[in-house]
Amino acid sequence: MTHGITATHLARFESLQSLATDELGTLLAACELRSFQPGDAVLAAGQAERALWMLVRGSAKVVLPGESAAGQAILEAGPGSILGELSFLRAAPHSATVTCASACTFARLDRVQFDALAAAHPAIAAKLILGIAELPAARLFPPFCLRRTPSRFCRQIALPRSPRTNF
């Protein structure tokens, strides 16, 4: 089932801008498309899973463990968001829970699929890794911590909070 998703959908991802249309098609063919309903959990904090989740349609919220039942989101994810990249890269449990705020479609690429993609198309794999490697830095950029992230999250990820750094 294709869910009507094409390489054009992946072209909207900032992290995938270095891939040509045919390369995006190859990447999409390596992925598994999964649909979720509002309220469904996609990733759970503490769960160990080495997969990239590329949000193609819908919206999701990212919540840290220990947040209130209301689930104050530290990040509102929309189409073009990639989630689970840290666990994908370093085989660590997820640090947050991702729950669908609306009906969502994700293109999921696990490490087995990625390894097969890398063996057959090393240039695509390299571009993908370079694109997702920038995500943590973009999310931890000081204005993000100032405007959108609870201070306890900045502390949890060991970011200094001092007047000198202004975050």
Foldseek 3Di string as FASTA:
>chain_A
DLPPDALVLQCPAPLQVVDDSVLSRVVLVLWDKDKDAAFDWPAAAPDFFQKKKQWRAAKKFKAAPPDDPVGQGLDIDGHNDIPPNVSNVPRGGDRTIIGTRGITMITMHGPVSLVVCCVVPVVSSVSNCVSSVCVVVVCLPVVSCVPRHDVVVCVVVPHDDDPVNPD
